[in-house]
């Protein structure tokens, strides 16, 4: 199962594998307090795309399209995480305040498609 959670929320043993999927380290969080298993910057939007999007919901559909394009060459990594999500819980951690319009949401959709042969 693939889950989403803000990195600022309290870690929980039920989170399973905790993976930060942001390119930048979240403000105000100490590395040991994040309780990460991995930090996968390669699955985060490029700096240019992140700056362009700026968490503007009006740009959401275009952001999703562009981000999926950026992830097109990350198939092996996506497949690995999707498989881990099939056998246990994987929690994708992100820093954005907007819980509906962020890179982790797009990544979760892709991983779920990958996990179902997509």
C-alpha atoms as a PDB file:
ATOM      1  CA  UNK A   1       0.000   0.000   0.000  1.00  0.00           C
ATOM      2  CA  UNK A   2       1.214   3.462  -0.895  1.00  0.00           C
ATOM      3  CA  UNK A   3       0.306   6.204   1.574  1.00  0.00           C
ATOM      4  CA  UNK A   4       0.948   9.948   1.744  1.00  0.00           C
ATOM      5  CA  UNK A   5       1.891  11.994   4.780  1.00  0.00           C
ATOM      6  CA  UNK A   6       3.318  15.408   5.520  1.00  0.00           C
ATOM      7  CA  UNK A   7       6.805  15.056   6.906  1.00  0.00           C
ATOM      8  CA  UNK A   8       5.764  17.396   9.729  1.00  0.00           C
ATOM      9  CA  UNK A   9       3.229  14.876  11.049  1.00  0.00           C
ATOM     10  CA  UNK A  10       4.240  12.568  13.871  1.00  0.00           C
ATOM     11  CA  UNK A  11       5.973   9.377  12.670  1.00  0.00           C
ATOM     12  CA  UNK A  12       3.977   6.230  13.301  1.00  0.00           C
ATOM     13  CA  UNK A  13       5.148   2.582  13.288  1.00  0.00           C
ATOM     14  CA  UNK A  14       2.261   1.886  10.901  1.00  0.00           C
ATOM     15  CA  UNK A  15       3.887   4.161   8.291  1.00  0.00           C
ATOM     16  CA  UNK A  16       6.052   1.267   7.135  1.00  0.00           C
ATOM     17  CA  UNK A  17       8.843   2.379   4.814  1.00  0.00           C
ATOM     18  CA  UNK A  18       9.124   6.182   5.154  1.00  0.00           C
ATOM     19  CA  UNK A  19      10.459   7.876   2.016  1.00  0.00           C
ATOM     20  CA  UNK A  20      10.945  11.625   1.578  1.00  0.00           C
ATOM     21  CA  UNK A  21      10.188  12.528  -2.049  1.00  0.00           C
ATOM     22  CA  UNK A  22      11.085  16.244  -2.019  1.00  0.00           C
ATOM     23  CA  UNK A  23      14.235  17.670  -3.595  1.00  0.00           C
ATOM     24  CA  UNK A  24      14.793  20.144  -0.745  1.00  0.00           C
ATOM     25  CA  UNK A  25      15.086  19.234   2.914  1.00  0.00           C
ATOM     26  CA  UNK A  26      11.941  20.376   4.793  1.00  0.00           C
ATOM     27  CA  UNK A  27      12.351  23.534   6.846  1.00  0.00           C
ATOM     28  CA  UNK A  28      12.453  23.159  10.598  1.00  0.00           C
ATOM     29  CA  UNK A  29      12.892  19.365  10.651  1.00  0.00           C
ATOM     30  CA  UNK A  30      15.997  17.784  12.089  1.00  0.00           C
ATOM     31  CA  UNK A  31      17.191  14.775  10.114  1.00  0.00           C
ATOM     32  CA  UNK A  32      16.952  12.367  13.032  1.00  0.00           C
ATOM     33  CA  UNK A  33      13.448  13.607  13.922  1.00  0.00           C
ATOM     34  CA  UNK A  34      12.128  12.784  10.433  1.00  0.00           C
ATOM     35  CA  UNK A  35      12.593   9.035  10.975  1.00  0.00           C
ATOM     36  CA  UNK A  36      13.280   8.456   7.284  1.00  0.00           C
ATOM     37  CA  UNK A  37      14.192   5.176   5.707  1.00  0.00           C
ATOM     38  CA  UNK A  38      15.164   6.892   2.449  1.00  0.00           C
ATOM     39  CA  UNK A  39      15.342  10.296   0.830  1.00  0.00           C
ATOM     40  CA  UNK A  40      14.776   9.875  -2.907  1.00  0.00           C
ATOM     41  CA  UNK A  41      15.522  13.236  -4.512  1.00  0.00           C
ATOM     42  CA  UNK A  42      15.472  11.591  -7.955  1.00  0.00           C
ATOM     43  CA  UNK A  43      11.686  11.233  -7.695  1.00  0.00           C
ATOM     44  CA  UNK A  44      11.144  14.922  -6.947  1.00  0.00           C
ATOM     45  CA  UNK A  45      10.304  17.579  -9.542  1.00  0.00           C
ATOM     46  CA  UNK A  46      13.209  19.461 -11.072  1.00  0.00           C
ATOM     47  CA  UNK A  47      13.998  22.830  -9.522  1.00  0.00           C
ATOM     48  CA  UNK A  48      12.636  24.574 -12.632  1.00  0.00           C
ATOM     49  CA  UNK A  49       9.331  22.684 -12.503  1.00  0.00           C
ATOM     50  CA  UNK A  50       8.998  23.173  -8.750  1.00  0.00           C
ATOM     51  CA  UNK A  51       9.538  26.932  -9.073  1.00  0.00           C
ATOM     52  CA  UNK A  52       7.155  27.197 -12.037  1.00  0.00           C
ATOM     53  CA  UNK A  53       4.377  25.315 -10.238  1.00  0.00           C
ATOM     54  CA  UNK A  54       4.802  27.140  -6.908  1.00  0.00           C
ATOM     55  CA  UNK A  55       1.871  25.055  -5.541  1.00  0.00           C
ATOM     56  CA  UNK A  56      -0.602  27.014  -7.662  1.00  0.00           C
ATOM     57  CA  UNK A  57      -3.750  24.837  -8.023  1.00  0.00           C
ATOM     58  CA  UNK A  58      -4.496  26.619 -11.328  1.00  0.00           C
ATOM     59  CA  UNK A  59      -1.349  24.982 -12.754  1.00  0.00           C
ATOM     60  CA  UNK A  60      -2.093  21.525 -11.298  1.00  0.00           C
ATOM     61  CA  UNK A  61      -3.017  19.656 -14.488  1.00  0.00           C
ATOM     62  CA  UNK A  62      -0.031  21.023 -16.391  1.00  0.00           C
ATOM     63  CA  UNK A  63       2.248  20.312 -13.423  1.00  0.00           C
ATOM     64  CA  UNK A  64       1.071  16.690 -13.364  1.00  0.00           C
ATOM     65  CA  UNK A  65       1.748  16.323 -17.096  1.00  0.00           C
ATOM     66  CA  UNK A  66       5.218  17.863 -16.887  1.00  0.00           C
ATOM     67  CA  UNK A  67       6.154  15.934 -13.746  1.00  0.00           C
ATOM     68  CA  UNK A  68       5.103  12.628 -15.331  1.00  0.00           C
ATOM     69  CA  UNK A  69       7.353  13.510 -18.279  1.00  0.00           C
ATOM     70  CA  UNK A  70      10.260  14.081 -15.896  1.00  0.00           C
ATOM     71  CA  UNK A  71       9.608  10.717 -14.251  1.00  0.00           C
ATOM     72  CA  UNK A  72       9.480   8.846 -17.576  1.00  0.00           C
ATOM     73  CA  UNK A  73      13.118   7.755 -17.312  1.00  0.00           C
ATOM     74  CA  UNK A  74      12.818   6.670 -13.657  1.00  0.00           C
ATOM     75  CA  UNK A  75      11.040   3.387 -14.448  1.00  0.00           C
ATOM     76  CA  UNK A  76      13.339   1.114 -12.445  1.00  0.00           C
ATOM     77  CA  UNK A  77      13.046   3.216  -9.305  1.00  0.00           C
ATOM     78  CA  UNK A  78       9.280   3.551  -9.688  1.00  0.00           C
ATOM     79  CA  UNK A  79       8.958  -0.201 -10.209  1.00  0.00           C
ATOM     80  CA  UNK A  80      11.047  -0.907  -7.091  1.00  0.00           C
ATOM     81  CA  UNK A  81       8.862   1.337  -4.916  1.00  0.00           C
ATOM     82  CA  UNK A  82       5.650  -0.035  -6.426  1.00  0.00           C
ATOM     83  CA  UNK A  83       6.781  -3.580  -5.568  1.00  0.00           C
ATOM     84  CA  UNK A  84       7.573  -2.516  -2.019  1.00  0.00           C
ATOM     85  CA  UNK A  85       4.078  -1.038  -1.814  1.00  0.00           C
ATOM     86  CA  UNK A  86       2.588  -4.364  -2.910  1.00  0.00           C
ATOM     87  CA  UNK A  87       4.288  -6.280  -0.101  1.00  0.00           C
ATOM     88  CA  UNK A  88       4.084  -3.692   2.675  1.00  0.00           C
ATOM     89  CA  UNK A  89       3.208  -0.111   3.455  1.00  0.00           C
ATOM     90  CA  UNK A  90       5.249   2.662   1.835  1.00  0.00           C
ATOM     91  CA  UNK A  91       4.602   6.201   3.068  1.00  0.00           C
ATOM     92  CA  UNK A  92       5.671   9.000   0.735  1.00  0.00           C
ATOM     93  CA  UNK A  93       6.608  12.039   2.788  1.00  0.00           C
ATOM     94  CA  UNK A  94       6.361  15.598   1.507  1.00  0.00           C
ATOM     95  CA  UNK A  95       6.586  19.085   3.001  1.00  0.00           C
ATOM     96  CA  UNK A  96       3.905  20.956   1.026  1.00  0.00           C
ATOM     97  CA  UNK A  97       0.991  22.445   2.963  1.00  0.00           C
ATOM     98  CA  UNK A  98      -1.419  21.642   0.124  1.00  0.00           C
ATOM     99  CA  UNK A  99      -2.239  17.972   0.612  1.00  0.00           C
ATOM    100  CA  UNK A 100      -4.068  17.641  -2.723  1.00  0.00           C
ATOM    101  CA  UNK A 101      -1.712  19.447  -5.108  1.00  0.00           C
ATOM    102  CA  UNK A 102       1.855  18.252  -4.590  1.00  0.00           C
ATOM    103  CA  UNK A 103       4.422  15.992  -6.200  1.00  0.00           C
ATOM    104  CA  UNK A 104       3.762  13.101  -3.789  1.00  0.00           C
ATOM    105  CA  UNK A 105       0.150  12.876  -5.025  1.00  0.00           C
ATOM    106  CA  UNK A 106       1.354  12.444  -8.620  1.00  0.00           C
ATOM    107  CA  UNK A 107       3.990   9.962  -7.532  1.00  0.00           C
ATOM    108  CA  UNK A 108       1.442   7.889  -5.604  1.00  0.00           C
ATOM    109  CA  UNK A 109      -0.794   7.715  -8.697  1.00  0.00           C
ATOM    110  CA  UNK A 110       2.139   6.526 -10.808  1.00  0.00           C
ATOM    111  CA  UNK A 111       3.227   3.938  -8.254  1.00  0.00           C
ATOM    112  CA  UNK A 112      -0.286   2.556  -7.984  1.00  0.00           C
ATOM    113  CA  UNK A 113      -0.481   2.275 -11.783  1.00  0.00           C
ATOM    114  CA  UNK A 114       2.943   0.614 -11.841  1.00  0.00           C
ATOM    115  CA  UNK A 115       1.883  -1.827  -9.132  1.00  0.00           C
ATOM    116  CA  UNK A 116      -1.128  -2.887 -11.187  1.00  0.00           C
ATOM    117  CA  UNK A 117       0.824  -3.564 -14.357  1.00  0.00           C
ATOM    118  CA  UNK A 118       0.370  -0.025 -15.647  1.00  0.00           C
END
